[in-house]
PDB file of N, CA and C in Angstrom:
ATOM      1  N   ASP A   1      35.182  -8.476  23.730  1.00  0.00           N
ATOM      2  CA  ASP A   1      36.342  -9.311  24.211  1.00  0.00           C
ATOM      3  C   ASP A   1      37.634  -8.564  23.662  1.00  0.00           C
ATOM      4  N   PRO A   2      38.393  -8.356  24.567  1.00  0.00           N
ATOM      5  CA  PRO A   2      39.730  -7.606  24.083  1.00  0.00           C
ATOM      6  C   PRO A   2      40.653  -8.457  23.182  1.00  0.00           C
ATOM      7  N   ARG A   3      40.479  -9.706  23.278  1.00  0.00           N
ATOM      8  CA  ARG A   3      41.347 -10.703  22.449  1.00  0.00           C
ATOM      9  C   ARG A   3      40.857 -10.798  21.046  1.00  0.00           C
ATOM     10  N   CYS A   4      39.666 -10.327  20.665  1.00  0.00           N
ATOM     11  CA  CYS A   4      39.143 -10.488  19.400  1.00  0.00           C
ATOM     12  C   CYS A   4      39.422  -9.274  18.535  1.00  0.00           C
ATOM     13  N   ALA A   5      39.355  -9.540  17.169  1.00  0.00           N
ATOM     14  CA  ALA A   5      39.437  -8.404  16.361  1.00  0.00           C
ATOM     15  C   ALA A   5      38.256  -7.547  16.238  1.00  0.00           C
ATOM     16  N   ASP A   6      38.277  -6.289  15.797  1.00  0.00           N
ATOM     17  CA  ASP A   6      37.209  -5.303  15.794  1.00  0.00           C
ATOM     18  C   ASP A   6      36.136  -6.219  15.078  1.00  0.00           C
ATOM     19  N   GLY A   7      34.767  -6.171  15.593  1.00  0.00           N
ATOM     20  CA  GLY A   7      33.544  -6.724  15.072  1.00  0.00           C
ATOM     21  C   GLY A   7      33.423  -8.259  15.576  1.00  0.00           C
ATOM     22  N   TYR A   8      34.221  -8.683  16.224  1.00  0.00           N
ATOM     23  CA  TYR A   8      34.096 -10.211  16.668  1.00  0.00           C
ATOM     24  C   TYR A   8      34.046 -10.217  18.083  1.00  0.00           C
ATOM     25  N   THR A   9      33.277 -11.169  18.664  1.00  0.00           N
ATOM     26  CA  THR A   9      33.015 -11.327  20.105  1.00  0.00           C
ATOM     27  C   THR A   9      32.714 -12.833  20.317  1.00  0.00           C
ATOM     28  N   GLY A  10      32.611 -13.105  21.670  1.00  0.00           N
ATOM     29  CA  GLY A  10      32.133 -14.603  22.127  1.00  0.00           C
ATOM     30  C   GLY A  10      33.411 -15.500  22.097  1.00  0.00           C
ATOM     31  N   SER A  11      32.923 -16.788  22.290  1.00  0.00           N
ATOM     32  CA  SER A  11      33.845 -17.890  22.478  1.00  0.00           C
ATOM     33  C   SER A  11      34.623 -17.968  21.169  1.00  0.00           C
ATOM     34  N   PHE A  12      35.881 -18.123  21.110  1.00  0.00           N
ATOM     35  CA  PHE A  12      36.712 -18.168  19.885  1.00  0.00           C
ATOM     36  C   PHE A  12      36.386 -17.056  18.900  1.00  0.00           C
ATOM     37  N   CYS A  13      35.933 -15.978  19.410  1.00  0.00           N
ATOM     38  CA  CYS A  13      35.522 -14.838  18.505  1.00  0.00           C
ATOM     39  C   CYS A  13      34.837 -15.268  17.306  1.00  0.00           C
ATOM     40  N   ALA A  14      33.881 -16.078  17.433  1.00  0.00           N
ATOM     41  CA  ALA A  14      33.041 -16.734  16.382  1.00  0.00           C
ATOM     42  C   ALA A  14      31.771 -15.956  16.272  1.00  0.00           C
ATOM     43  N   GLN A  15      31.412 -14.836  17.018  1.00  0.00           N
ATOM     44  CA  GLN A  15      30.323 -14.124  16.714  1.00  0.00           C
ATOM     45  C   GLN A  15      30.480 -12.805  16.284  1.00  0.00           C
ATOM     46  N   CYS A  16      29.586 -12.152  15.724  1.00  0.00           N
ATOM     47  CA  CYS A  16      29.820 -10.750  15.314  1.00  0.00           C
ATOM     48  C   CYS A  16      29.263  -9.887  16.512  1.00  0.00           C
ATOM     49  N   ASP A  17      30.001  -8.800  16.849  1.00  0.00           N
ATOM     50  CA  ASP A  17      29.646  -7.809  17.711  1.00  0.00           C
ATOM     51  C   ASP A  17      28.559  -6.996  17.475  1.00  0.00           C
ATOM     52  N   THR A  18      28.073  -6.215  18.431  1.00  0.00           N
ATOM     53  CA  THR A  18      26.995  -5.421  18.248  1.00  0.00           C
ATOM     54  C   THR A  18      27.349  -4.329  17.201  1.00  0.00           C
ATOM     55  N   LYS A  19      26.371  -4.002  16.291  1.00  0.00           N
ATOM     56  CA  LYS A  19      26.458  -3.157  15.219  1.00  0.00           C
ATOM     57  C   LYS A  19      27.492  -3.623  14.101  1.00  0.00           C
ATOM     58  N   TYR A  20      27.586  -5.014  13.962  1.00  0.00           N
ATOM     59  CA  TYR A  20      28.238  -5.690  12.890  1.00  0.00           C
ATOM     60  C   TYR A  20      27.243  -6.802  12.437  1.00  0.00           C
ATOM     61  N   TYR A  21      27.532  -7.150  11.167  1.00  0.00           N
ATOM     62  CA  TYR A  21      26.645  -8.145  10.506  1.00  0.00           C
ATOM     63  C   TYR A  21      27.542  -9.166   9.820  1.00  0.00           C
ATOM     64  N   ARG A  22      26.979 -10.277   9.697  1.00  0.00           N
ATOM     65  CA  ARG A  22      27.885 -11.558   9.052  1.00  0.00           C
ATOM     66  C   ARG A  22      27.480 -11.609   7.644  1.00  0.00           C
ATOM     67  N   VAL A  23      28.402 -11.848   6.699  1.00  0.00           N
ATOM     68  CA  VAL A  23      28.268 -12.214   5.423  1.00  0.00           C
ATOM     69  C   VAL A  23      29.368 -13.474   5.266  1.00  0.00           C
ATOM     70  N   GLY A  24      28.801 -14.561   5.099  1.00  0.00           N
ATOM     71  CA  GLY A  24      29.740 -15.743   5.143  1.00  0.00           C
ATOM     72  C   GLY A  24      30.271 -15.878   6.386  1.00  0.00           C
ATOM     73  N   GLN A  25      31.667 -15.935   6.449  1.00  0.00           N
ATOM     74  CA  GLN A  25      32.300 -16.115   7.643  1.00  0.00           C
ATOM     75  C   GLN A  25      33.031 -14.791   8.182  1.00  0.00           C
ATOM     76  N   GLN A  26      32.713 -13.711   7.574  1.00  0.00           N
ATOM     77  CA  GLN A  26      33.196 -12.406   7.866  1.00  0.00           C
ATOM     78  C   GLN A  26      32.202 -11.436   8.576  1.00  0.00           C
ATOM     79  N   CYS A  27      32.657 -10.558   9.527  1.00  0.00           N
ATOM     80  CA  CYS A  27      31.830  -9.669  10.152  1.00  0.00           C
ATOM     81  C   CYS A  27      32.210  -8.245   9.573  1.00  0.00           C
ATOM     82  N   TYR A  28      31.174  -7.554   9.150  1.00  0.00           N
ATOM     83  CA  TYR A  28      31.191  -6.096   8.645  1.00  0.00           C
ATOM     84  C   TYR A  28      30.427  -5.108   9.555  1.00  0.00           C
ATOM     85  N   ALA A  29      31.010  -3.963   9.519  1.00  0.00           N
ATOM     86  CA  ALA A  29      30.285  -2.871  10.289  1.00  0.00           C
ATOM     87  C   ALA A  29      28.997  -2.448   9.694  1.00  0.00           C
ATOM     88  N   CYS A  30      27.946  -2.081  10.363  1.00  0.00           N
ATOM     89  CA  CYS A  30      26.755  -1.629  10.068  1.00  0.00           C
ATOM     90  C   CYS A  30      26.967  -0.306   9.497  1.00  0.00           C
ATOM     91  N   GLU A  31      26.374  -0.131   8.367  1.00  0.00           N
ATOM     92  CA  GLU A  31      26.425   1.414   7.776  1.00  0.00           C
ATOM     93  C   GLU A  31      25.247   1.637   6.857  1.00  0.00           C
ATOM     94  N   GLY A  32      24.913   2.889   6.585  1.00  0.00           N
ATOM     95  CA  GLY A  32      23.746   3.165   5.761  1.00  0.00           C
ATOM     96  C   GLY A  32      22.447   2.981   6.453  1.00  0.00           C
ATOM     97  N   ASP A  33      21.383   2.825   5.661  1.00  0.00           N
ATOM     98  CA  ASP A  33      19.937   2.860   6.208  1.00  0.00           C
ATOM     99  C   ASP A  33      19.801   1.602   6.938  1.00  0.00           C
ATOM    100  N   GLU A  34      18.766   1.519   7.745  1.00  0.00           N
ATOM    101  CA  GLU A  34      18.561   0.359   8.520  1.00  0.00           C
ATOM    102  C   GLU A  34      16.953  -0.071   8.208  1.00  0.00           C
ATOM    103  N   SER A  35      16.797  -0.361   6.969  1.00  0.00           N
ATOM    104  CA  SER A  35      15.392  -0.708   6.508  1.00  0.00           C
ATOM    105  C   SER A  35      15.135  -2.238   6.456  1.00  0.00           C
ATOM    106  N   GLY A  36      15.806  -2.977   7.393  1.00  0.00           N
ATOM    107  CA  GLY A  36      15.483  -4.306   7.279  1.00  0.00           C
ATOM    108  C   GLY A  36      14.270  -4.981   7.464  1.00  0.00           C
ATOM    109  N   ALA A  37      13.351  -4.393   8.220  1.00  0.00           N
ATOM    110  CA  ALA A  37      12.100  -4.810   8.564  1.00  0.00           C
ATOM    111  C   ALA A  37      11.268  -4.681   7.303  1.00  0.00           C
ATOM    112  N   PHE A  38      11.314  -3.548   6.743  1.00  0.00           N
ATOM    113  CA  PHE A  38      10.653  -3.196   5.288  1.00  0.00           C
ATOM    114  C   PHE A  38      11.042  -4.223   4.281  1.00  0.00           C
ATOM    115  N   THR A  39      12.405  -4.394   4.237  1.00  0.00           N
ATOM    116  CA  THR A  39      12.973  -5.409   3.329  1.00  0.00           C
ATOM    117  C   THR A  39      12.323  -6.862   3.370  1.00  0.00           C
ATOM    118  N   VAL A  40      12.373  -7.360   4.602  1.00  0.00           N
ATOM    119  CA  VAL A  40      11.696  -8.714   4.846  1.00  0.00           C
ATOM    120  C   VAL A  40      10.235  -8.661   4.491  1.00  0.00           C
ATOM    121  N   VAL A  41       9.522  -7.620   4.855  1.00  0.00           N
ATOM    122  CA  VAL A  41       8.023  -7.683   4.523  1.00  0.00           C
ATOM    123  C   VAL A  41       7.855  -7.549   3.032  1.00  0.00           C
ATOM    124  N   LEU A  42       8.527  -6.770   2.409  1.00  0.00           N
ATOM    125  CA  LEU A  42       8.457  -6.683   0.930  1.00  0.00           C
ATOM    126  C   LEU A  42       8.929  -7.983   0.231  1.00  0.00           C
ATOM    127  N   ALA A  43      10.032  -8.631   0.767  1.00  0.00           N
ATOM    128  CA  ALA A  43      10.553  -9.858   0.070  1.00  0.00           C
ATOM    129  C   ALA A  43       9.441 -11.021   0.314  1.00  0.00           C
ATOM    130  N   ALA A  44       8.827 -11.034   1.519  1.00  0.00           N
ATOM    131  CA  ALA A  44       7.767 -12.030   1.751  1.00  0.00           C
ATOM    132  C   ALA A  44       6.566 -11.864   0.911  1.00  0.00           C
ATOM    133  N   VAL A  45       6.119 -10.631   0.764  1.00  0.00           N
ATOM    134  CA  VAL A  45       5.018 -10.314  -0.091  1.00  0.00           C
ATOM    135  C   VAL A  45       5.283 -10.769  -1.485  1.00  0.00           C
ATOM    136  N   VAL A  46       6.401 -10.449  -2.034  1.00  0.00           N
ATOM    137  CA  VAL A  46       6.730 -10.664  -3.443  1.00  0.00           C
ATOM    138  C   VAL A  46       6.821 -12.164  -3.675  1.00  0.00           C
ATOM    139  N   PHE A  47       7.533 -12.847  -2.702  1.00  0.00           N
ATOM    140  CA  PHE A  47       7.809 -14.318  -2.729  1.00  0.00           C
ATOM    141  C   PHE A  47       6.547 -15.173  -2.683  1.00  0.00           C
ATOM    142  N   PHE A  48       5.653 -14.791  -1.739  1.00  0.00           N
ATOM    143  CA  PHE A  48       4.424 -15.465  -1.663  1.00  0.00           C
ATOM    144  C   PHE A  48       3.448 -15.128  -2.610  1.00  0.00           C
ATOM    145  N   GLY A  49       3.507 -13.847  -3.236  1.00  0.00           N
ATOM    146  CA  GLY A  49       2.682 -13.447  -4.309  1.00  0.00           C
ATOM    147  C   GLY A  49       3.091 -14.336  -5.523  1.00  0.00           C
ATOM    148  N   LEU A  50       4.434 -14.579  -5.684  1.00  0.00           N
ATOM    149  CA  LEU A  50       4.817 -15.291  -6.934  1.00  0.00           C
ATOM    150  C   LEU A  50       4.348 -16.848  -6.651  1.00  0.00           C
ATOM    151  N   ILE A  51       4.383 -17.301  -5.541  1.00  0.00           N
ATOM    152  CA  ILE A  51       4.001 -18.670  -5.336  1.00  0.00           C
ATOM    153  C   ILE A  51       2.379 -18.854  -5.617  1.00  0.00           C
ATOM    154  N   ALA A  52       1.633 -17.865  -5.176  1.00  0.00           N
ATOM    155  CA  ALA A  52       0.225 -17.974  -5.419  1.00  0.00           C
ATOM    156  C   ALA A  52      -0.075 -17.853  -6.933  1.00  0.00           C
ATOM    157  N   ILE A  53       0.707 -16.882  -7.625  1.00  0.00           N
ATOM    158  CA  ILE A  53       0.487 -16.733  -9.041  1.00  0.00           C
ATOM    159  C   ILE A  53       0.792 -18.159  -9.734  1.00  0.00           C
ATOM    160  N   PHE A  54       1.899 -18.705  -9.352  1.00  0.00           N
ATOM    161  CA  PHE A  54       2.334 -19.892  -9.883  1.00  0.00           C
ATOM    162  C   PHE A  54       1.338 -21.133  -9.692  1.00  0.00           C
ATOM    163  N   ILE A  55       0.768 -21.084  -8.535  1.00  0.00           N
ATOM    164  CA  ILE A  55      -0.161 -22.305  -8.314  1.00  0.00           C
ATOM    165  C   ILE A  55      -1.421 -22.119  -8.963  1.00  0.00           C
ATOM    166  N   PHE A  56      -1.915 -20.869  -9.035  1.00  0.00           N
ATOM    167  CA  PHE A  56      -3.252 -20.674  -9.698  1.00  0.00           C
ATOM    168  C   PHE A  56      -3.301 -20.477 -11.130  1.00  0.00           C
ATOM    169  N   CYS A  57      -2.097 -20.073 -11.722  1.00  0.00           N
ATOM    170  CA  CYS A  57      -2.067 -19.782 -13.149  1.00  0.00           C
ATOM    171  C   CYS A  57      -1.350 -20.756 -14.040  1.00  0.00           C
ATOM    172  N   LEU A  58      -0.510 -21.595 -13.422  1.00  0.00           N
ATOM    173  CA  LEU A  58       0.198 -22.547 -14.249  1.00  0.00           C
ATOM    174  C   LEU A  58      -0.457 -23.868 -14.174  1.00  0.00           C
ATOM    175  N   ASN A  59      -0.357 -24.612 -15.331  1.00  0.00           N
ATOM    176  CA  ASN A  59      -0.734 -25.975 -15.272  1.00  0.00           C
ATOM    177  C   ASN A  59       0.129 -26.853 -14.577  1.00  0.00           C
ATOM    178  N   GLU A  60      -0.253 -28.063 -14.344  1.00  0.00           N
ATOM    179  CA  GLU A  60       0.542 -29.040 -13.430  1.00  0.00           C
ATOM    180  C   GLU A  60       1.911 -29.405 -14.013  1.00  0.00           C
ATOM    181  N   HIS A  61       1.983 -29.525 -15.262  1.00  0.00           N
ATOM    182  CA  HIS A  61       3.304 -29.943 -15.954  1.00  0.00           C
ATOM    183  C   HIS A  61       4.183 -28.626 -15.808  1.00  0.00           C
ATOM    184  N   ILE A  62       3.845 -27.499 -15.986  1.00  0.00           N
ATOM    185  CA  ILE A  62       4.761 -26.327 -16.013  1.00  0.00           C
ATOM    186  C   ILE A  62       5.093 -26.168 -14.493  1.00  0.00           C
ATOM    187  N   LEU A  63       4.217 -26.259 -13.577  1.00  0.00           N
ATOM    188  CA  LEU A  63       4.447 -25.943 -12.225  1.00  0.00           C
ATOM    189  C   LEU A  63       5.571 -27.054 -11.658  1.00  0.00           C
ATOM    190  N   ASP A  64       5.416 -28.281 -12.136  1.00  0.00           N
ATOM    191  CA  ASP A  64       6.453 -29.226 -12.003  1.00  0.00           C
ATOM    192  C   ASP A  64       7.888 -28.717 -12.329  1.00  0.00           C
ATOM    193  N   GLN A  65       7.980 -28.363 -13.475  1.00  0.00           N
ATOM    194  CA  GLN A  65       9.179 -27.765 -13.956  1.00  0.00           C
ATOM    195  C   GLN A  65       9.688 -26.530 -13.159  1.00  0.00           C
ATOM    196  N   VAL A  66       8.742 -25.588 -12.931  1.00  0.00           N
ATOM    197  CA  VAL A  66       9.127 -24.534 -11.895  1.00  0.00           C
ATOM    198  C   VAL A  66       9.687 -24.900 -10.743  1.00  0.00           C
ATOM    199  N   VAL A  67       9.006 -25.865 -10.093  1.00  0.00           N
ATOM    200  CA  VAL A  67       9.477 -26.329  -8.721  1.00  0.00           C
ATOM    201  C   VAL A  67      10.841 -27.022  -8.920  1.00  0.00           C
ATOM    202  N   SER A  68      11.074 -27.915  -9.940  1.00  0.00           N
ATOM    203  CA  SER A  68      12.327 -28.453 -10.094  1.00  0.00           C
ATOM    204  C   SER A  68      13.408 -27.532 -10.387  1.00  0.00           C
ATOM    205  N   LEU A  69      13.160 -26.416 -11.166  1.00  0.00           N
ATOM    206  CA  LEU A  69      14.218 -25.210 -11.280  1.00  0.00           C
ATOM    207  C   LEU A  69      14.411 -24.606 -10.078  1.00  0.00           C
ATOM    208  N   LEU A  70      13.467 -24.363  -9.171  1.00  0.00           N
ATOM    209  CA  LEU A  70      13.632 -23.599  -7.879  1.00  0.00           C
ATOM    210  C   LEU A  70      14.571 -24.500  -6.998  1.00  0.00           C
ATOM    211  N   ILE A  71      14.352 -25.861  -6.925  1.00  0.00           N
ATOM    212  CA  ILE A  71      15.146 -26.774  -6.249  1.00  0.00           C
ATOM    213  C   ILE A  71      16.628 -26.783  -6.720  1.00  0.00           C
ATOM    214  N   VAL A  72      16.918 -26.737  -8.031  1.00  0.00           N
ATOM    215  CA  VAL A  72      18.217 -26.552  -8.548  1.00  0.00           C
ATOM    216  C   VAL A  72      18.846 -25.278  -8.277  1.00  0.00           C
ATOM    217  N   ALA A  73      18.010 -24.163  -8.377  1.00  0.00           N
ATOM    218  CA  ALA A  73      18.515 -22.883  -7.903  1.00  0.00           C
ATOM    219  C   ALA A  73      19.096 -22.863  -6.556  1.00  0.00           C
ATOM    220  N   GLN A  74      18.138 -23.542  -5.600  1.00  0.00           N
ATOM    221  CA  GLN A  74      18.647 -23.591  -4.134  1.00  0.00           C
ATOM    222  C   GLN A  74      19.809 -24.285  -3.941  1.00  0.00           C
ATOM    223  N   GLN A  75      20.042 -25.396  -4.634  1.00  0.00           N
ATOM    224  CA  GLN A  75      21.195 -26.153  -4.475  1.00  0.00           C
ATOM    225  C   GLN A  75      22.429 -25.303  -4.951  1.00  0.00           C
ATOM    226  N   LEU A  76      22.261 -24.742  -6.161  1.00  0.00           N
ATOM    227  CA  LEU A  76      23.584 -23.813  -6.745  1.00  0.00           C
ATOM    228  C   LEU A  76      23.880 -22.664  -5.832  1.00  0.00           C
ATOM    229  N   ILE A  77      22.810 -22.044  -5.351  1.00  0.00           N
ATOM    230  CA  ILE A  77      22.918 -20.934  -4.380  1.00  0.00           C
ATOM    231  C   ILE A  77      23.760 -21.358  -3.189  1.00  0.00           C
ATOM    232  N   HIS A  78      23.231 -22.330  -2.581  1.00  0.00           N
ATOM    233  CA  HIS A  78      23.923 -22.777  -1.288  1.00  0.00           C
ATOM    234  C   HIS A  78      25.342 -23.299  -1.507  1.00  0.00           C
ATOM    235  N   ILE A  79      25.629 -23.744  -2.649  1.00  0.00           N
ATOM    236  CA  ILE A  79      26.956 -24.332  -2.863  1.00  0.00           C
ATOM    237  C   ILE A  79      27.832 -22.965  -3.170  1.00  0.00           C
ATOM    238  N   GLY A  80      27.345 -22.024  -3.929  1.00  0.00           N
ATOM    239  CA  GLY A  80      28.074 -20.793  -4.270  1.00  0.00           C
ATOM    240  C   GLY A  80      28.192 -19.916  -3.044  1.00  0.00           C
ATOM    241  N   SER A  81      27.238 -19.961  -2.185  1.00  0.00           N
ATOM    242  CA  SER A  81      27.290 -19.074  -1.036  1.00  0.00           C
ATOM    243  C   SER A  81      28.423 -19.662   0.064  1.00  0.00           C
ATOM    244  N   GLY A  82      28.527 -21.083   0.084  1.00  0.00           N
ATOM    245  CA  GLY A  82      29.499 -21.639   0.844  1.00  0.00           C
ATOM    246  C   GLY A  82      31.042 -21.160   0.465  1.00  0.00           C
ATOM    247  N   ALA A  83      31.098 -21.152  -0.950  1.00  0.00           N
ATOM    248  CA  ALA A  83      32.530 -20.806  -1.625  1.00  0.00           C
ATOM    249  C   ALA A  83      32.672 -19.283  -1.662  1.00  0.00           C
ATOM    250  N   SER A  84      31.758 -18.507  -1.538  1.00  0.00           N
ATOM    251  CA  SER A  84      31.719 -17.048  -1.763  1.00  0.00           C
ATOM    252  C   SER A  84      32.713 -16.284  -0.809  1.00  0.00           C
ATOM    253  N   SER A  85      32.975 -16.838   0.360  1.00  0.00           N
ATOM    254  CA  SER A  85      33.885 -16.197   1.165  1.00  0.00           C
ATOM    255  C   SER A  85      35.360 -15.980   0.678  1.00  0.00           C
ATOM    256  N   ARG A  86      35.710 -16.734  -0.328  1.00  0.00           N
ATOM    257  CA  ARG A  86      36.878 -16.613  -1.205  1.00  0.00           C
ATOM    258  C   ARG A  86      36.953 -15.479  -2.046  1.00  0.00           C
ATOM    259  N   PHE A  87      35.750 -14.866  -2.328  1.00  0.00           N
ATOM    260  CA  PHE A  87      35.774 -13.817  -3.273  1.00  0.00           C
ATOM    261  C   PHE A  87      35.540 -12.342  -2.641  1.00  0.00           C
ATOM    262  N   ASP A  88      35.607 -11.387  -3.309  1.00  0.00           N
ATOM    263  CA  ASP A  88      35.404 -10.122  -2.783  1.00  0.00           C
ATOM    264  C   ASP A  88      34.093  -9.801  -2.171  1.00  0.00           C
ATOM    265  N   ILE A  89      33.898  -8.734  -1.464  1.00  0.00           N
ATOM    266  CA  ILE A  89      32.532  -8.455  -0.735  1.00  0.00           C
ATOM    267  C   ILE A  89      31.504  -8.227  -1.672  1.00  0.00           C
ATOM    268  N   SER A  90      31.601  -7.765  -2.815  1.00  0.00           N
ATOM    269  CA  SER A  90      30.445  -7.731  -3.621  1.00  0.00           C
ATOM    270  C   SER A  90      29.962  -8.975  -4.123  1.00  0.00           C
ATOM    271  N   VAL A  91      30.726  -9.867  -4.415  1.00  0.00           N
ATOM    272  CA  VAL A  91      30.236 -11.325  -4.658  1.00  0.00           C
ATOM    273  C   VAL A  91      29.515 -11.896  -3.326  1.00  0.00           C
ATOM    274  N   GLN A  92      30.228 -11.716  -2.217  1.00  0.00           N
ATOM    275  CA  GLN A  92      29.640 -12.259  -1.092  1.00  0.00           C
ATOM    276  C   GLN A  92      28.140 -11.630  -0.740  1.00  0.00           C
ATOM    277  N   LYS A  93      28.034 -10.290  -1.052  1.00  0.00           N
ATOM    278  CA  LYS A  93      26.751  -9.653  -0.876  1.00  0.00           C
ATOM    279  C   LYS A  93      25.640 -10.221  -1.961  1.00  0.00           C
ATOM    280  N   ALA A  94      26.215 -10.514  -3.105  1.00  0.00           N
ATOM    281  CA  ALA A  94      25.259 -10.916  -4.157  1.00  0.00           C
ATOM    282  C   ALA A  94      24.680 -12.336  -3.683  1.00  0.00           C
ATOM    283  N   TYR A  95      25.543 -13.196  -3.234  1.00  0.00           N
ATOM    284  CA  TYR A  95      24.989 -14.511  -2.772  1.00  0.00           C
ATOM    285  C   TYR A  95      24.256 -14.296  -1.517  1.00  0.00           C
ATOM    286  N   ALA A  96      24.482 -13.470  -0.673  1.00  0.00           N
ATOM    287  CA  ALA A  96      23.606 -13.251   0.467  1.00  0.00           C
ATOM    288  C   ALA A  96      22.146 -12.767   0.003  1.00  0.00           C
ATOM    289  N   LEU A  97      22.157 -11.986  -0.950  1.00  0.00           N
ATOM    290  CA  LEU A  97      20.754 -11.478  -1.551  1.00  0.00           C
ATOM    291  C   LEU A  97      20.064 -12.698  -2.111  1.00  0.00           C
ATOM    292  N   LEU A  98      20.888 -13.418  -2.921  1.00  0.00           N
ATOM    293  CA  LEU A  98      20.293 -14.739  -3.672  1.00  0.00           C
ATOM    294  C   LEU A  98      19.846 -15.829  -2.474  1.00  0.00           C
ATOM    295  N   SER A  99      20.349 -15.575  -1.323  1.00  0.00           N
ATOM    296  CA  SER A  99      20.049 -16.636  -0.448  1.00  0.00           C
ATOM    297  C   SER A  99      18.548 -16.441   0.135  1.00  0.00           C
ATOM    298  N   LEU A 100      17.894 -15.445  -0.310  1.00  0.00           N
ATOM    299  CA  LEU A 100      16.439 -15.256  -0.094  1.00  0.00           C
ATOM    300  C   LEU A 100      15.662 -16.670  -0.671  1.00  0.00           C
ATOM    301  N   VAL A 101      16.174 -17.128  -1.707  1.00  0.00           N
ATOM    302  CA  VAL A 101      15.602 -18.290  -2.381  1.00  0.00           C
ATOM    303  C   VAL A 101      15.754 -19.504  -1.409  1.00  0.00           C
ATOM    304  N   LEU A 102      16.659 -19.426  -0.513  1.00  0.00           N
ATOM    305  CA  LEU A 102      16.950 -20.505   0.512  1.00  0.00           C
ATOM    306  C   LEU A 102      16.237 -20.209   1.785  1.00  0.00           C
ATOM    307  N   PHE A 103      15.320 -19.094   1.773  1.00  0.00           N
ATOM    308  CA  PHE A 103      14.562 -18.768   3.019  1.00  0.00           C
ATOM    309  C   PHE A 103      15.640 -18.236   4.093  1.00  0.00           C
ATOM    310  N   ASP A 104      16.730 -17.673   3.661  1.00  0.00           N
ATOM    311  CA  ASP A 104      17.881 -17.314   4.495  1.00  0.00           C
ATOM    312  C   ASP A 104      17.877 -15.754   4.414  1.00  0.00           C
ATOM    313  N   PHE A 105      17.391 -15.133   5.564  1.00  0.00           N
ATOM    314  CA  PHE A 105      17.261 -13.540   5.533  1.00  0.00           C
ATOM    315  C   PHE A 105      18.472 -12.878   6.088  1.00  0.00           C
ATOM    316  N   GLU A 106      19.628 -13.523   6.020  1.00  0.00           N
ATOM    317  CA  GLU A 106      20.973 -12.788   6.506  1.00  0.00           C
ATOM    318  C   GLU A 106      21.155 -11.428   5.779  1.00  0.00           C
ATOM    319  N   PHE A 107      20.758 -11.389   4.581  1.00  0.00           N
ATOM    320  CA  PHE A 107      21.086 -10.123   3.789  1.00  0.00           C
ATOM    321  C   PHE A 107      20.420  -8.849   4.303  1.00  0.00           C
ATOM    322  N   ILE A 108      19.456  -8.955   5.333  1.00  0.00           N
ATOM    323  CA  ILE A 108      18.845  -7.808   5.907  1.00  0.00           C
ATOM    324  C   ILE A 108      19.711  -7.286   6.997  1.00  0.00           C
ATOM    325  N   ARG A 109      20.845  -8.057   7.323  1.00  0.00           N
ATOM    326  CA  ARG A 109      21.733  -7.564   8.359  1.00  0.00           C
ATOM    327  C   ARG A 109      20.987  -7.507   9.714  1.00  0.00           C
ATOM    328  N   PRO A 110      20.567  -8.727  10.174  1.00  0.00           N
ATOM    329  CA  PRO A 110      19.983  -8.745  11.534  1.00  0.00           C
ATOM    330  C   PRO A 110      20.706  -8.168  12.675  1.00  0.00           C
ATOM    331  N   GLY A 111      22.063  -8.352  12.540  1.00  0.00           N
ATOM    332  CA  GLY A 111      22.869  -7.666  13.622  1.00  0.00           C
ATOM    333  C   GLY A 111      22.768  -6.233  13.755  1.00  0.00           C
ATOM    334  N   CYS A 112      22.448  -5.538  12.546  1.00  0.00           N
ATOM    335  CA  CYS A 112      22.202  -4.094  12.563  1.00  0.00           C
ATOM    336  C   CYS A 112      20.874  -3.762  12.792  1.00  0.00           C
ATOM    337  N   ASN A 113      19.873  -4.416  12.471  1.00  0.00           N
ATOM    338  CA  ASN A 113      18.489  -4.003  12.535  1.00  0.00           C
ATOM    339  C   ASN A 113      17.860  -4.555  13.725  1.00  0.00           C
ATOM    340  N   MET A 114      18.194  -5.732  14.361  1.00  0.00           N
ATOM    341  CA  MET A 114      17.508  -6.276  15.312  1.00  0.00           C
ATOM    342  C   MET A 114      18.363  -6.568  16.688  1.00  0.00           C
ATOM    343  N   GLY A 115      19.640  -6.325  16.584  1.00  0.00           N
ATOM    344  CA  GLY A 115      20.442  -6.685  17.619  1.00  0.00           C
ATOM    345  C   GLY A 115      20.885  -8.143  17.695  1.00  0.00           C
ATOM    346  N   VAL A 116      21.648  -8.521  18.521  1.00  0.00           N
ATOM    347  CA  VAL A 116      22.105  -9.955  18.509  1.00  0.00           C
ATOM    348  C   VAL A 116      20.972 -10.733  19.309  1.00  0.00           C
ATOM    349  N   ILE A 117      20.679 -11.839  18.618  1.00  0.00           N
ATOM    350  CA  ILE A 117      19.619 -12.800  19.368  1.00  0.00           C
ATOM    351  C   ILE A 117      20.432 -13.902  19.725  1.00  0.00           C
ATOM    352  N   PRO A 118      20.395 -14.161  21.059  1.00  0.00           N
ATOM    353  CA  PRO A 118      21.313 -15.411  21.455  1.00  0.00           C
ATOM    354  C   PRO A 118      20.529 -16.725  20.887  1.00  0.00           C
ATOM    355  N   PHE A 119      21.419 -17.615  20.533  1.00  0.00           N
ATOM    356  CA  PHE A 119      20.968 -18.906  19.939  1.00  0.00           C
ATOM    357  C   PHE A 119      19.960 -19.684  20.937  1.00  0.00           C
ATOM    358  N   ARG A 120      20.180 -19.460  22.281  1.00  0.00           N
ATOM    359  CA  ARG A 120      19.424 -20.307  23.106  1.00  0.00           C
ATOM    360  C   ARG A 120      18.012 -19.666  23.232  1.00  0.00           C
ATOM    361  N   ASN A 121      17.917 -18.325  22.899  1.00  0.00           N
ATOM    362  CA  ASN A 121      16.626 -17.590  22.961  1.00  0.00           C
ATOM    363  C   ASN A 121      15.689 -18.059  21.699  1.00  0.00           C
ATOM    364  N   VAL A 122      16.316 -18.369  20.563  1.00  0.00           N
ATOM    365  CA  VAL A 122      15.713 -18.668  19.392  1.00  0.00           C
ATOM    366  C   VAL A 122      15.130 -20.167  19.497  1.00  0.00           C
ATOM    367  N   TYR A 123      16.057 -20.977  19.980  1.00  0.00           N
ATOM    368  CA  TYR A 123      15.725 -22.458  19.911  1.00  0.00           C
ATOM    369  C   TYR A 123      15.486 -23.209  21.280  1.00  0.00           C
ATOM    370  N   ALA A 124      15.252 -22.450  22.261  1.00  0.00           N
ATOM    371  CA  ALA A 124      14.822 -22.868  23.515  1.00  0.00           C
ATOM    372  C   ALA A 124      13.364 -22.907  23.881  1.00  0.00           C
TER     373      ALA A 124
END
């Protein structure tokens, strides 16, 4: 859309253009390696491996504490990621990486690795 700034497209310029990815409310150009699929697989293996270890190796009382800490961490990361758009890009990227705890995989830059997936295709 010629009315949008570089990297933005769509209604009200609210979407990231092809070869751009979103961090918070900003769109950034894709650069560097495109190892997003490997990152997702590795993150999933590590995450579910840790869950299996916790379930089978920890007693019930400690497992309750670990789950409680995970819930608190999720809340803090969600609050921080919402406010991170006011900080520089390194803080925004750190919160994007921490968003893995929220099961949010934006940090792999889906706009760079998979192209744009229309909302209606995902939820229709």
